[in-house]
Protein backbone atom coordinates (compact mmCIF):
# COMPACT_ATOMS: atom_id res chain seq x y z
CA UNK A 1 5.75 -20.82 0.17
CA UNK A 2 6.78 -19.24 -3.43
CA UNK A 3 7.53 -15.42 -3.25
CA UNK A 4 4.86 -15.01 -6.22
CA UNK A 5 2.32 -16.91 -4.70
CA UNK A 6 2.77 -14.75 -1.66
CA UNK A 7 2.43 -11.62 -3.85
CA UNK A 8 -0.82 -13.23 -5.16
CA UNK A 9 -2.32 -13.47 -1.87
CA UNK A 10 -1.01 -9.99 -0.79
CA UNK A 11 -2.69 -8.45 -3.90
CA UNK A 12 -5.97 -10.41 -3.58
CA UNK A 13 -6.17 -8.89 0.21
CA UNK A 14 -5.02 -5.58 -0.39
CA UNK A 15 -7.68 -5.24 -3.41
CA UNK A 16 -10.35 -5.29 -1.09
CA UNK A 17 -8.96 -2.61 1.35
CA UNK A 18 -10.67 0.34 -0.43
CA UNK A 19 -14.03 -1.50 -0.46
CA UNK A 20 -14.23 -2.65 3.18
CA UNK A 21 -13.54 0.85 4.26
CA UNK A 22 -16.35 2.21 2.01
CA UNK A 23 -18.68 -0.23 3.73
CA UNK A 24 -17.88 0.92 7.26
CA UNK A 25 -20.29 4.26 8.28
CA UNK A 26 -19.03 7.39 7.53
CA UNK A 27 -18.92 8.20 11.42
CA UNK A 28 -15.78 6.15 11.72
CA UNK A 29 -12.61 8.43 12.28
CA UNK A 30 -10.20 7.55 9.49
CA UNK A 31 -7.04 8.03 11.37
CA UNK A 32 -8.66 5.80 14.43
CA UNK A 33 -9.29 3.21 11.91
CA UNK A 34 -5.77 3.14 10.15
CA UNK A 35 -4.28 3.43 13.86
CA UNK A 36 -6.36 0.21 15.02
CA UNK A 37 -5.33 -1.43 11.76
CA UNK A 38 -1.50 -1.37 12.85
CA UNK A 39 -1.19 -1.47 16.51
CA UNK A 40 -3.36 -4.32 16.70
CA UNK A 41 -1.87 -6.34 13.63
CA UNK A 42 1.57 -5.18 15.31
CA UNK A 43 0.72 -6.44 18.64
CA UNK A 44 -0.60 -9.70 17.59
CA UNK A 45 3.11 -10.39 15.80
CA UNK A 46 5.03 -8.92 18.63
CA UNK A 47 5.16 -12.50 20.59
CA UNK A 48 7.06 -13.70 17.39
CA UNK A 49 9.65 -10.76 17.18
CA UNK A 50 13.01 -11.68 17.41
CA UNK A 51 14.75 -8.57 17.12
CA UNK A 52 16.61 -7.37 20.70
CA UNK A 53 15.83 -3.54 20.61
CA UNK A 54 18.37 -3.18 22.97
CA UNK A 55 21.31 -4.60 20.46
CA UNK A 56 20.16 -2.42 17.69
CA UNK A 57 22.48 -0.12 16.15
CA UNK A 58 21.56 3.76 15.73
CA UNK A 59 21.27 3.23 11.64
CA UNK A 60 18.64 0.37 12.47
CA UNK A 61 16.92 2.42 15.38
CA UNK A 62 16.70 5.30 12.59
CA UNK A 63 15.46 2.73 10.02
CA UNK A 64 12.93 1.42 11.97
CA UNK A 65 11.60 5.10 13.40
CA UNK A 66 11.65 6.33 9.69
CA UNK A 67 9.51 3.47 8.21
CA UNK A 68 6.83 3.76 10.93
CA UNK A 69 6.73 7.68 10.66
CA UNK A 70 7.00 7.91 6.63
CA UNK A 71 5.52 4.38 5.87
CA UNK A 72 2.71 3.53 8.14
CA UNK A 73 1.74 7.18 9.67
CA UNK A 74 2.78 9.05 6.69
CA UNK A 75 0.98 6.91 4.14
CA UNK A 76 -2.09 5.72 5.91
CA UNK A 77 -3.35 9.18 7.53
CA UNK A 78 -3.77 10.61 4.18
CA UNK A 79 -4.65 7.09 2.65
CA UNK A 80 -7.67 6.56 5.01
CA UNK A 81 -8.90 10.15 4.70
CA UNK A 82 -8.83 10.01 0.83
CA UNK A 83 -10.36 6.67 0.47
CA UNK A 84 -13.92 7.54 2.06
CA UNK A 85 -13.69 10.79 -0.37
CA UNK A 86 -13.71 9.06 -3.89
CA UNK A 87 -14.67 5.89 -5.50
CA UNK A 88 -13.01 2.88 -4.13
CA UNK A 89 -11.89 1.95 -7.47
CA UNK A 90 -10.43 5.47 -8.00
CA UNK A 91 -8.61 5.57 -4.73
CA UNK A 92 -7.10 1.96 -5.78
CA UNK A 93 -5.61 3.05 -8.86
CA UNK A 94 -4.19 6.01 -7.59
CA UNK A 95 -2.45 3.98 -4.83
CA UNK A 96 -1.14 1.71 -7.16
CA UNK A 97 1.54 4.38 -8.42
CA UNK A 98 3.62 3.50 -5.19
CA UNK A 99 5.88 1.27 -7.28
CA UNK A 100 7.13 4.21 -8.98
CA UNK A 101 8.37 5.96 -5.90
CA UNK A 102 9.67 2.34 -4.57
CA UNK A 103 12.05 1.87 -7.82
CA UNK A 104 13.10 5.54 -7.53
CA UNK A 105 14.00 4.77 -3.96
CA UNK A 106 15.48 1.54 -4.37
CA UNK A 107 17.74 2.91 -7.24
CA UNK A 108 19.01 5.87 -4.91
CA UNK A 109 19.21 3.75 -1.73
CA UNK A 110 19.85 0.16 -2.55
CA UNK A 111 21.62 0.76 -5.83
CA UNK A 112 19.12 -1.49 -7.40
CA UNK A 113 19.14 -1.54 -11.25
CA UNK A 114 16.90 0.68 -13.12
CA UNK A 115 16.94 -0.23 -16.89
CA UNK A 116 14.98 1.91 -19.49
CA UNK A 117 12.19 -0.92 -19.78
CA UNK A 118 11.62 -0.15 -16.29
CA UNK A 119 11.47 3.56 -16.85
CA UNK A 120 8.90 3.10 -19.81
CA UNK A 121 6.88 0.95 -17.61
CA UNK A 122 6.58 3.45 -14.89
CA UNK A 123 5.70 5.91 -17.31
CA UNK A 124 2.85 3.89 -19.09
CA UNK A 125 1.47 3.33 -15.37
CA UNK A 126 1.23 7.13 -14.49
CA UNK A 127 -0.57 7.32 -17.65
CA UNK A 128 -2.76 4.48 -17.37
CA UNK A 129 -3.86 5.61 -13.78
CA UNK A 130 -4.36 9.40 -15.12
CA UNK A 131 -6.38 7.90 -18.11
CA UNK A 132 -8.68 5.86 -15.68
CA UNK A 133 -9.33 8.47 -13.24
CA UNK A 134 -9.81 11.85 -15.37
CA UNK A 135 -10.17 10.49 -18.95
CA UNK A 136 -8.41 12.62 -21.57
CA UNK A 137 -9.37 16.06 -19.75
CA UNK A 138 -7.54 18.07 -17.26
CA UNK A 139 -9.21 17.88 -14.13
CA UNK A 140 -10.02 20.91 -12.14
CA UNK A 141 -7.89 21.63 -8.79
CA UNK A 142 -11.26 21.37 -6.48
CA UNK A 143 -11.87 17.78 -7.90
CA UNK A 144 -8.35 16.67 -6.97
CA UNK A 145 -7.93 17.29 -3.29
CA UNK A 146 -8.68 13.39 -2.39
CA UNK A 147 -6.48 12.61 -5.45
CA UNK A 148 -3.69 14.38 -3.68
CA UNK A 149 -3.98 12.68 -0.44
CA UNK A 150 -3.72 9.12 -2.25
CA UNK A 151 -1.05 10.49 -4.26
CA UNK A 152 0.75 11.29 -0.99
CA UNK A 153 0.15 8.03 0.54
CA UNK A 154 1.65 6.48 -2.80
CA UNK A 155 4.46 8.14 -2.32
CA UNK A 156 5.31 7.59 1.28
CA UNK A 157 4.19 4.20 1.11
CA UNK A 158 6.89 3.73 -2.12
CA UNK A 159 9.89 5.33 -0.18
CA UNK A 160 8.79 2.78 2.74
CA UNK A 161 8.65 -0.27 0.68
CA UNK A 162 12.43 0.31 -0.54
CA UNK A 163 13.72 1.80 2.47
CA UNK A 164 12.45 -1.01 4.50
CA UNK A 165 13.99 -3.46 2.33
CA UNK A 166 17.43 -3.93 3.99
CA UNK A 167 15.84 -4.25 7.41
CA UNK A 168 13.62 -7.42 5.79
CA UNK A 169 16.70 -8.87 4.49
CA UNK A 170 18.33 -8.72 8.03
CA UNK A 171 15.61 -9.93 10.08
CA UNK A 172 12.36 -11.97 9.48
CA UNK A 173 9.55 -10.21 7.96
CA UNK A 174 7.07 -10.79 10.86
CA UNK A 175 9.85 -9.30 13.47
CA UNK A 176 10.15 -6.12 11.00
CA UNK A 177 6.27 -5.90 10.56
CA UNK A 178 5.71 -6.20 14.41
CA UNK A 179 7.81 -3.38 15.51
CA UNK A 180 7.35 -0.68 12.62
CA UNK A 181 3.38 -1.47 12.64
CA UNK A 182 3.05 -1.19 16.53
CA UNK A 183 5.42 2.12 16.36
CA UNK A 184 3.71 3.36 13.53
CA UNK A 185 -0.04 2.87 14.82
CA UNK A 186 0.98 4.64 18.31
CA UNK A 187 2.37 7.69 16.10
CA UNK A 188 -0.92 8.16 14.39
CA UNK A 189 -2.94 7.82 17.64
CA UNK A 190 -1.68 11.70 18.02
CA UNK A 191 -4.21 12.76 15.04
CA UNK A 192 -7.00 11.15 16.14
CA UNK A 193 -9.91 13.30 16.28
CA UNK A 194 -12.80 11.12 17.26
CA UNK A 195 -12.49 8.16 19.59
CA UNK A 196 -15.80 6.65 19.07
CA UNK A 197 -16.55 3.91 16.76
CA UNK A 198 -19.53 1.79 16.00
CA UNK A 199 -19.76 -1.61 17.78
CA UNK A 200 -22.38 -3.56 15.82
CA UNK A 201 -21.58 -6.71 14.46
CA UNK A 202 -21.26 -5.75 10.97
CA UNK A 203 -18.94 -2.94 11.65
CA UNK A 204 -16.79 -4.72 13.76
CA UNK A 205 -16.48 -7.62 11.56
CA UNK A 206 -15.17 -5.18 9.05
CA UNK A 207 -12.45 -3.50 11.15
CA UNK A 208 -11.38 -6.94 12.27
CA UNK A 209 -11.14 -7.94 8.55
CA UNK A 210 -8.94 -4.82 8.00
CA UNK A 211 -6.98 -5.65 10.60
CA UNK A 212 -5.84 -9.17 10.66
CA UNK A 213 -6.68 -10.18 6.94
CA UNK A 214 -5.93 -7.06 4.72
CA UNK A 215 -3.19 -5.93 7.37
CA UNK A 216 -1.38 -8.64 9.34
CA UNK A 217 -1.74 -11.59 6.50
CA UNK A 218 -1.73 -8.94 3.66
CA UNK A 219 1.65 -7.39 4.75
CA UNK A 220 3.41 -10.47 6.14
CA UNK A 221 3.24 -12.05 2.38
CA UNK A 222 4.34 -8.88 1.02
CA UNK A 223 7.58 -8.65 2.95
CA UNK A 224 8.18 -12.50 2.53
CA UNK A 225 8.35 -11.87 -1.17
CA UNK A 226 9.96 -8.50 -0.74
CA UNK A 227 12.77 -10.58 0.51
CA UNK A 228 13.28 -12.72 -2.30
CA UNK A 229 12.36 -10.51 -5.61
CA UNK A 230 13.56 -7.13 -6.50
CA UNK A 231 11.69 -3.95 -4.95
CA UNK A 232 10.39 -3.17 -9.10
CA UNK A 233 8.99 -7.03 -9.14
CA UNK A 234 7.64 -6.63 -5.55
CA UNK A 235 6.24 -3.67 -5.74
CA UNK A 236 4.73 -3.69 -9.43
CA UNK A 237 1.88 -6.32 -8.19
CA UNK A 238 -0.02 -2.54 -7.26
CA UNK A 239 -0.43 -2.21 -11.00
CA UNK A 240 -2.71 -5.26 -10.94
CA UNK A 241 -4.58 -4.04 -8.09
CA UNK A 242 -7.30 -1.68 -9.65
CA UNK A 243 -8.21 -4.70 -11.89
CA UNK A 244 -9.47 -6.67 -8.84
CA UNK A 245 -10.35 -3.22 -6.88
CA UNK A 246 -12.85 -2.34 -9.58
CA UNK A 247 -14.23 -5.67 -9.74
CA UNK A 248 -15.16 -5.62 -5.94
CA UNK A 249 -15.98 -2.23 -6.06
CA UNK A 250 -18.57 -3.23 -8.70
CA UNK A 251 -19.58 -6.21 -7.02
CA UNK A 252 -19.95 -4.79 -3.34
CA UNK A 253 -20.60 -1.39 -3.88
CA UNK A 254 -22.10 -0.96 -7.45
CA UNK A 255 -19.70 1.40 -8.44
CA UNK A 256 -20.08 2.24 -12.30
CA UNK A 257 -17.04 2.47 -14.54
CA UNK A 258 -16.40 4.27 -17.49
CA UNK A 259 -14.79 3.15 -20.80
CA UNK A 260 -11.76 5.36 -20.04
CA UNK A 261 -11.41 3.47 -16.66
CA UNK A 262 -10.82 0.16 -18.50
CA UNK A 263 -8.65 1.79 -21.09
CA UNK A 264 -6.30 3.21 -18.43
CA UNK A 265 -6.36 -0.22 -16.71
CA UNK A 266 -5.05 -1.59 -19.62
CA UNK A 267 -2.35 0.86 -20.10
CA UNK A 268 -1.47 -0.05 -16.63
CA UNK A 269 -1.56 -3.70 -16.89
CA UNK A 270 0.78 -3.39 -20.02
CA UNK A 271 3.12 -1.48 -17.58
CA UNK A 272 3.27 -4.30 -15.00
CA UNK A 273 4.39 -6.45 -17.99
CA UNK A 274 7.29 -4.10 -19.09
CA UNK A 275 8.50 -3.87 -15.77
CA UNK A 276 8.42 -7.38 -14.72
CA UNK A 277 9.97 -8.33 -17.81
CA UNK A 278 12.57 -5.29 -18.08
CA UNK A 279 16.22 -6.37 -17.34
CA UNK A 280 16.22 -4.64 -14.00
CA UNK A 281 13.00 -5.85 -12.98
CA UNK A 282 14.37 -9.15 -12.06
CA UNK A 283 16.75 -10.27 -8.92
CA UNK A 284 20.25 -10.69 -9.66
């Protein structure tokens, strides 16, 4: 499978996550939902894992634990808590900032090239997201709590994307996902506040979709592509996510979108092309 086809599949699946979460009853504990997503999807992948845990070096053990604690627990606890407090389209926009932090981390840890075009693209991406969420005004702090949670998740996921690339290159994507997802999901169990969840057909179907489609298939395709392209090129697909997320939010949740949302989206889309076609945005 072509790396960019894998990224396209990832993009479509990831763009539905916020909408699917918003379709669940508010009684579902967000941390429980997050832990279920990763424990179950990780457990499904474990039979295909080819990593001998007893032969891992100390560096590799640290890498897996770091990815699970920061990239999974540190990302998806604030992510799930933030999504339920704001429009799905806005949540998707903030989360799409993660390429900025992925590229910075890749520059520090992996010594990937970082050109002026990439820097300009990242600045455009930040500006586009801000305009889409807040327009051209300065928001009050009381309105930004959910945004801060999503920003934290964006930062930690960006760090995770870059820091786990060397593991994906060493082992198969399914092996890395199996270990990291299972361990990260188990860590999140310590922060669950309420263990009960609805068991009606609709809710169970949505939860199953979040586990097997958006998490298992989505991340497998993402890691498959990340093994073959640079972190900048791979993670920049998230600048496309708000476009599809906005469409699904309007179609399913009937969310209304302002003109500033589309202006900011256009700026973010421009940033994607600047990053992808910058000299440092391609592999090699």
